[in-house]
Amino acid sequence: MCIGIEGRVVELDGGAPAAAPTGTVETAEGQRHVCFAFLPDVAVGDLVLVHSGFAINRLDDRGRDQ
């Protein structure tokens, strides 16, 4: 069984072009530094599912209480 945590992308790090994209995600537990290798087109403000330090899926937050 996998456990993922949802969070909002708050910052993208500018790195070397050959390096995997990384950034910061705000979760209920606080901020986490994650890798966006599976979501290279992620943008600040996106809601993502994080597992083991990787953003593995973009989530649809339409209809959620904000």
PDB file of N, CA and C in Angstrom:
ATOM      1  N   MET A   1       0.843  -1.166   0.000  1.00  0.00           N
ATOM      2  CA  MET A   1       0.000   0.000   0.000  1.00  0.00           C
ATOM      3  C   MET A   1       0.894   1.236   0.000  1.00  0.00           C
ATOM      4  N   CYS A   2       0.520   2.207  -0.802  1.00  0.00           N
ATOM      5  CA  CYS A   2       1.268   3.458  -0.884  1.00  0.00           C
ATOM      6  C   CYS A   2       0.522   4.554  -0.142  1.00  0.00           C
ATOM      7  N   ILE A   3       1.273   5.427   0.451  1.00  0.00           N
ATOM      8  CA  ILE A   3       0.683   6.574   1.113  1.00  0.00           C
ATOM      9  C   ILE A   3       1.212   7.824   0.429  1.00  0.00           C
ATOM     10  N   GLY A   4       0.301   8.643  -0.045  1.00  0.00           N
ATOM     11  CA  GLY A   4       0.670   9.895  -0.682  1.00  0.00           C
ATOM     12  C   GLY A   4       0.088  11.053   0.106  1.00  0.00           C
ATOM     13  N   ILE A   5       0.731  12.182   0.003  1.00  0.00           N
ATOM     14  CA  ILE A   5       0.296  13.389   0.692  1.00  0.00           C
ATOM     15  C   ILE A   5       0.031  14.451  -0.361  1.00  0.00           C
ATOM     16  N   GLU A   6      -1.117  15.120  -0.255  1.00  0.00           N
ATOM     17  CA  GLU A   6      -1.382  16.181  -1.215  1.00  0.00           C
ATOM     18  C   GLU A   6      -0.777  17.488  -0.726  1.00  0.00           C
ATOM     19  N   GLY A   7      -0.371  18.294  -1.675  1.00  0.00           N
ATOM     20  CA  GLY A   7       0.209  19.578  -1.339  1.00  0.00           C
ATOM     21  C   GLY A   7       0.178  20.518  -2.518  1.00  0.00           C
ATOM     22  N   ARG A   8       0.385  21.786  -2.244  1.00  0.00           N
ATOM     23  CA  ARG A   8       0.365  22.823  -3.268  1.00  0.00           C
ATOM     24  C   ARG A   8       1.791  23.267  -3.563  1.00  0.00           C
ATOM     25  N   VAL A   9       2.132  23.326  -4.843  1.00  0.00           N
ATOM     26  CA  VAL A   9       3.459  23.768  -5.264  1.00  0.00           C
ATOM     27  C   VAL A   9       3.594  25.260  -4.947  1.00  0.00           C
ATOM     28  N   VAL A  10       4.612  25.609  -4.161  1.00  0.00           N
ATOM     29  CA  VAL A  10       4.820  27.014  -3.793  1.00  0.00           C
ATOM     30  C   VAL A  10       6.093  27.600  -4.397  1.00  0.00           C
ATOM     31  N   GLU A  11       7.009  26.740  -4.859  1.00  0.00           N
ATOM     32  CA  GLU A  11       8.252  27.246  -5.429  1.00  0.00           C
ATOM     33  C   GLU A  11       8.867  26.194  -6.334  1.00  0.00           C
ATOM     34  N   LEU A  12       9.419  26.634  -7.458  1.00  0.00           N
ATOM     35  CA  LEU A  12      10.187  25.769  -8.353  1.00  0.00           C
ATOM     36  C   LEU A  12      11.624  26.244  -8.332  1.00  0.00           C
ATOM     37  N   ASP A  13      12.545  25.297  -8.161  1.00  0.00           N
ATOM     38  CA  ASP A  13      13.970  25.630  -8.143  1.00  0.00           C
ATOM     39  C   ASP A  13      14.497  25.682  -9.566  1.00  0.00           C
ATOM     40  N   GLY A  14      15.311  26.662  -9.839  1.00  0.00           N
ATOM     41  CA  GLY A  14      15.993  26.714 -11.124  1.00  0.00           C
ATOM     42  C   GLY A  14      17.278  25.921 -11.001  1.00  0.00           C
ATOM     43  N   GLY A  15      17.405  24.890 -11.758  1.00  0.00           N
ATOM     44  CA  GLY A  15      18.596  24.056 -11.667  1.00  0.00           C
ATOM     45  C   GLY A  15      19.239  23.887 -13.023  1.00  0.00           C
ATOM     46  N   ALA A  16      20.213  23.031 -13.082  1.00  0.00           N
ATOM     47  CA  ALA A  16      20.877  22.724 -14.348  1.00  0.00           C
ATOM     48  C   ALA A  16      19.871  22.074 -15.295  1.00  0.00           C
ATOM     49  N   PRO A  17      19.954  22.368 -16.587  1.00  0.00           N
ATOM     50  CA  PRO A  17      18.999  21.803 -17.545  1.00  0.00           C
ATOM     51  C   PRO A  17      18.946  20.277 -17.539  1.00  0.00           C
ATOM     52  N   ALA A  18      20.053  19.618 -17.261  1.00  0.00           N
ATOM     53  CA  ALA A  18      20.077  18.152 -17.263  1.00  0.00           C
ATOM     54  C   ALA A  18      19.570  17.559 -15.954  1.00  0.00           C
ATOM     55  N   ALA A  19      19.450  18.365 -14.918  1.00  0.00           N
ATOM     56  CA  ALA A  19      19.015  17.866 -13.606  1.00  0.00           C
ATOM     57  C   ALA A  19      17.493  17.741 -13.566  1.00  0.00           C
ATOM     58  N   ALA A  20      17.014  16.841 -12.718  1.00  0.00           N
ATOM     59  CA  ALA A  20      15.572  16.688 -12.526  1.00  0.00           C
ATOM     60  C   ALA A  20      15.022  17.940 -11.855  1.00  0.00           C
ATOM     61  N   PRO A  21      13.839  18.396 -12.280  1.00  0.00           N
ATOM     62  CA  PRO A  21      13.261  19.596 -11.662  1.00  0.00           C
ATOM     63  C   PRO A  21      12.854  19.330 -10.214  1.00  0.00           C
ATOM     64  N   THR A  22      13.095  20.297  -9.344  1.00  0.00           N
ATOM     65  CA  THR A  22      12.736  20.171  -7.939  1.00  0.00           C
ATOM     66  C   THR A  22      12.048  21.457  -7.487  1.00  0.00           C
ATOM     67  N   GLY A  23      11.477  21.403  -6.298  1.00  0.00           N
ATOM     68  CA  GLY A  23      10.827  22.585  -5.751  1.00  0.00           C
ATOM     69  C   GLY A  23      10.242  22.297  -4.384  1.00  0.00           C
ATOM     70  N   THR A  24       9.410  23.210  -3.927  1.00  0.00           N
ATOM     71  CA  THR A  24       8.830  23.132  -2.597  1.00  0.00           C
ATOM     72  C   THR A  24       7.314  22.990  -2.699  1.00  0.00           C
ATOM     73  N   VAL A  25       6.780  22.081  -1.885  1.00  0.00           N
ATOM     74  CA  VAL A  25       5.343  21.844  -1.818  1.00  0.00           C
ATOM     75  C   VAL A  25       4.889  22.092  -0.384  1.00  0.00           C
ATOM     76  N   GLU A  26       3.793  22.825  -0.232  1.00  0.00           N
ATOM     77  CA  GLU A  26       3.197  23.085   1.080  1.00  0.00           C
ATOM     78  C   GLU A  26       2.135  22.027   1.351  1.00  0.00           C
ATOM     79  N   THR A  27       2.327  21.256   2.436  1.00  0.00           N
ATOM     80  CA  THR A  27       1.368  20.222   2.829  1.00  0.00           C
ATOM     81  C   THR A  27       0.778  20.589   4.188  1.00  0.00           C
ATOM     82  N   ALA A  28      -0.140  19.787   4.662  1.00  0.00           N
ATOM     83  CA  ALA A  28      -0.734  20.015   5.983  1.00  0.00           C
ATOM     84  C   ALA A  28       0.324  19.928   7.079  1.00  0.00           C
ATOM     85  N   GLU A  29       1.382  19.160   6.845  1.00  0.00           N
ATOM     86  CA  GLU A  29       2.443  18.972   7.838  1.00  0.00           C
ATOM     87  C   GLU A  29       3.547  20.013   7.734  1.00  0.00           C
ATOM     88  N   GLY A  30       3.520  20.826   6.702  1.00  0.00           N
ATOM     89  CA  GLY A  30       4.562  21.828   6.501  1.00  0.00           C
ATOM     90  C   GLY A  30       5.109  21.760   5.084  1.00  0.00           C
ATOM     91  N   GLN A  31       6.234  22.389   4.853  1.00  0.00           N
ATOM     92  CA  GLN A  31       6.823  22.411   3.519  1.00  0.00           C
ATOM     93  C   GLN A  31       7.751  21.223   3.311  1.00  0.00           C
ATOM     94  N   ARG A  32       7.756  20.722   2.078  1.00  0.00           N
ATOM     95  CA  ARG A  32       8.613  19.599   1.698  1.00  0.00           C
ATOM     96  C   ARG A  32       9.325  19.934   0.398  1.00  0.00           C
ATOM     97  N   HIS A  33      10.585  19.560   0.317  1.00  0.00           N
ATOM     98  CA  HIS A  33      11.345  19.693  -0.919  1.00  0.00           C
ATOM     99  C   HIS A  33      11.115  18.410  -1.713  1.00  0.00           C
ATOM    100  N   VAL A  34      10.612  18.519  -2.948  1.00  0.00           N
ATOM    101  CA  VAL A  34      10.272  17.337  -3.738  1.00  0.00           C
ATOM    102  C   VAL A  34      10.860  17.428  -5.140  1.00  0.00           C
ATOM    103  N   CYS A  35      10.891  16.284  -5.790  1.00  0.00           N
ATOM    104  CA  CYS A  35      11.359  16.165  -7.165  1.00  0.00           C
ATOM    105  C   CYS A  35      10.135  16.106  -8.091  1.00  0.00           C
ATOM    106  N   PHE A  36      10.193  16.837  -9.205  1.00  0.00           N
ATOM    107  CA  PHE A  36       9.101  16.857 -10.171  1.00  0.00           C
ATOM    108  C   PHE A  36       9.462  16.120 -11.457  1.00  0.00           C
ATOM    109  N   ALA A  37      10.308  15.090 -11.373  1.00  0.00           N
ATOM    110  CA  ALA A  37      10.734  14.350 -12.560  1.00  0.00           C
ATOM    111  C   ALA A  37       9.553  13.739 -13.312  1.00  0.00           C
ATOM    112  N   PHE A  38       8.510  13.343 -12.588  1.00  0.00           N
ATOM    113  CA  PHE A  38       7.337  12.737 -13.221  1.00  0.00           C
ATOM    114  C   PHE A  38       6.337  13.780 -13.712  1.00  0.00           C
ATOM    115  N   LEU A  39       6.511  15.033 -13.302  1.00  0.00           N
ATOM    116  CA  LEU A  39       5.620  16.138 -13.696  1.00  0.00           C
ATOM    117  C   LEU A  39       6.461  17.337 -14.141  1.00  0.00           C
ATOM    118  N   PRO A  40       7.187  17.221 -15.240  1.00  0.00           N
ATOM    119  CA  PRO A  40       8.106  18.285 -15.634  1.00  0.00           C
ATOM    120  C   PRO A  40       7.421  19.607 -15.978  1.00  0.00           C
ATOM    121  N   ASP A  41       6.124  19.586 -16.275  1.00  0.00           N
ATOM    122  CA  ASP A  41       5.421  20.821 -16.632  1.00  0.00           C
ATOM    123  C   ASP A  41       4.599  21.382 -15.473  1.00  0.00           C
ATOM    124  N   VAL A  42       4.917  20.984 -14.247  1.00  0.00           N
ATOM    125  CA  VAL A  42       4.200  21.473 -13.069  1.00  0.00           C
ATOM    126  C   VAL A  42       4.424  22.979 -12.919  1.00  0.00           C
ATOM    127  N   ALA A  43       3.430  23.651 -12.333  1.00  0.00           N
ATOM    128  CA  ALA A  43       3.523  25.100 -12.145  1.00  0.00           C
ATOM    129  C   ALA A  43       3.215  25.459 -10.698  1.00  0.00           C
ATOM    130  N   VAL A  44       3.703  26.597 -10.269  1.00  0.00           N
ATOM    131  CA  VAL A  44       3.385  27.094  -8.934  1.00  0.00           C
ATOM    132  C   VAL A  44       1.869  27.227  -8.831  1.00  0.00           C
ATOM    133  N   GLY A  45       1.325  26.743  -7.725  1.00  0.00           N
ATOM    134  CA  GLY A  45      -0.120  26.768  -7.511  1.00  0.00           C
ATOM    135  C   GLY A  45      -0.801  25.449  -7.796  1.00  0.00           C
ATOM    136  N   ASP A  46      -0.130  24.539  -8.504  1.00  0.00           N
ATOM    137  CA  ASP A  46      -0.716  23.227  -8.795  1.00  0.00           C
ATOM    138  C   ASP A  46      -0.841  22.408  -7.522  1.00  0.00           C
ATOM    139  N   LEU A  47      -1.880  21.602  -7.451  1.00  0.00           N
ATOM    140  CA  LEU A  47      -2.076  20.664  -6.363  1.00  0.00           C
ATOM    141  C   LEU A  47      -1.527  19.321  -6.832  1.00  0.00           C
ATOM    142  N   VAL A  48      -0.620  18.729  -6.059  1.00  0.00           N
ATOM    143  CA  VAL A  48       0.033  17.490  -6.473  1.00  0.00           C
ATOM    144  C   VAL A  48      -0.029  16.442  -5.365  1.00  0.00           C
ATOM    145  N   LEU A  49       0.162  15.191  -5.752  1.00  0.00           N
ATOM    146  CA  LEU A  49       0.258  14.075  -4.820  1.00  0.00           C
ATOM    147  C   LEU A  49       1.735  13.717  -4.684  1.00  0.00           C
ATOM    148  N   VAL A  50       2.242  13.719  -3.448  1.00  0.00           N
ATOM    149  CA  VAL A  50       3.660  13.464  -3.181  1.00  0.00           C
ATOM    150  C   VAL A  50       3.821  12.117  -2.498  1.00  0.00           C
ATOM    151  N   HIS A  51       4.768  11.317  -3.002  1.00  0.00           N
ATOM    152  CA  HIS A  51       5.092  10.022  -2.396  1.00  0.00           C
ATOM    153  C   HIS A  51       6.600   9.834  -2.456  1.00  0.00           C
ATOM    154  N   SER A  52       7.214   9.571  -1.323  1.00  0.00           N
ATOM    155  CA  SER A  52       8.652   9.297  -1.236  1.00  0.00           C
ATOM    156  C   SER A  52       9.507  10.399  -1.862  1.00  0.00           C
ATOM    157  N   GLY A  53       9.082  11.644  -1.687  1.00  0.00           N
ATOM    158  CA  GLY A  53       9.881  12.763  -2.177  1.00  0.00           C
ATOM    159  C   GLY A  53       9.665  13.117  -3.632  1.00  0.00           C
ATOM    160  N   PHE A  54       8.721  12.451  -4.294  1.00  0.00           N
ATOM    161  CA  PHE A  54       8.419  12.718  -5.696  1.00  0.00           C
ATOM    162  C   PHE A  54       6.966  13.137  -5.844  1.00  0.00           C
ATOM    163  N   ALA A  55       6.722  14.168  -6.647  1.00  0.00           N
ATOM    164  CA  ALA A  55       5.363  14.519  -7.028  1.00  0.00           C
ATOM    165  C   ALA A  55       4.974  13.527  -8.121  1.00  0.00           C
ATOM    166  N   ILE A  56       3.982  12.686  -7.851  1.00  0.00           N
ATOM    167  CA  ILE A  56       3.670  11.601  -8.783  1.00  0.00           C
ATOM    168  C   ILE A  56       2.419  11.840  -9.611  1.00  0.00           C
ATOM    169  N   ASN A  57       1.601  12.838  -9.231  1.00  0.00           N
ATOM    170  CA  ASN A  57       0.384  13.095  -9.978  1.00  0.00           C
ATOM    171  C   ASN A  57      -0.115  14.495  -9.678  1.00  0.00           C
ATOM    172  N   ARG A  58      -0.703  15.131 -10.672  1.00  0.00           N
ATOM    173  CA  ARG A  58      -1.354  16.423 -10.468  1.00  0.00           C
ATOM    174  C   ARG A  58      -2.805  16.128 -10.109  1.00  0.00           C
ATOM    175  N   LEU A  59      -3.323  16.818  -9.096  1.00  0.00           N
ATOM    176  CA  LEU A  59      -4.687  16.600  -8.646  1.00  0.00           C
ATOM    177  C   LEU A  59      -5.590  17.732  -9.123  1.00  0.00           C
ATOM    178  N   ASP A  60      -6.844  17.397  -9.339  1.00  0.00           N
ATOM    179  CA  ASP A  60      -7.851  18.381  -9.754  1.00  0.00           C
ATOM    180  C   ASP A  60      -8.491  18.943  -8.498  1.00  0.00           C
ATOM    181  N   ASP A  61      -8.349  20.249  -8.272  1.00  0.00           N
ATOM    182  CA  ASP A  61      -8.916  20.830  -7.064  1.00  0.00           C
ATOM    183  C   ASP A  61     -10.184  21.632  -7.326  1.00  0.00           C
ATOM    184  N   ARG A  62     -10.779  21.459  -8.492  1.00  0.00           N
ATOM    185  CA  ARG A  62     -12.055  22.146  -8.773  1.00  0.00           C
ATOM    186  C   ARG A  62     -13.127  21.608  -7.838  1.00  0.00           C
ATOM    187  N   GLY A  63     -13.927  22.495  -7.311  1.00  0.00           N
ATOM    188  CA  GLY A  63     -15.016  22.095  -6.437  1.00  0.00           C
ATOM    189  C   GLY A  63     -14.631  21.925  -4.978  1.00  0.00           C
ATOM    190  N   ARG A  64     -13.368  22.094  -4.669  1.00  0.00           N
ATOM    191  CA  ARG A  64     -12.927  21.971  -3.269  1.00  0.00           C
ATOM    192  C   ARG A  64     -13.179  23.271  -2.546  1.00  0.00           C
ATOM    193  N   ASP A  65     -13.433  23.177  -1.275  1.00  0.00           N
ATOM    194  CA  ASP A  65     -13.558  24.377  -0.445  1.00  0.00           C
ATOM    195  C   ASP A  65     -12.194  25.012  -0.320  1.00  0.00           C
ATOM    196  N   GLN A  66     -12.092  26.268  -0.628  1.00  0.00           N
ATOM    197  CA  GLN A  66     -10.796  26.937  -0.595  1.00  0.00           C
ATOM    198  C   GLN A  66     -10.660  27.802   0.609  1.00  0.00           C
TER     199      GLN A  66
END
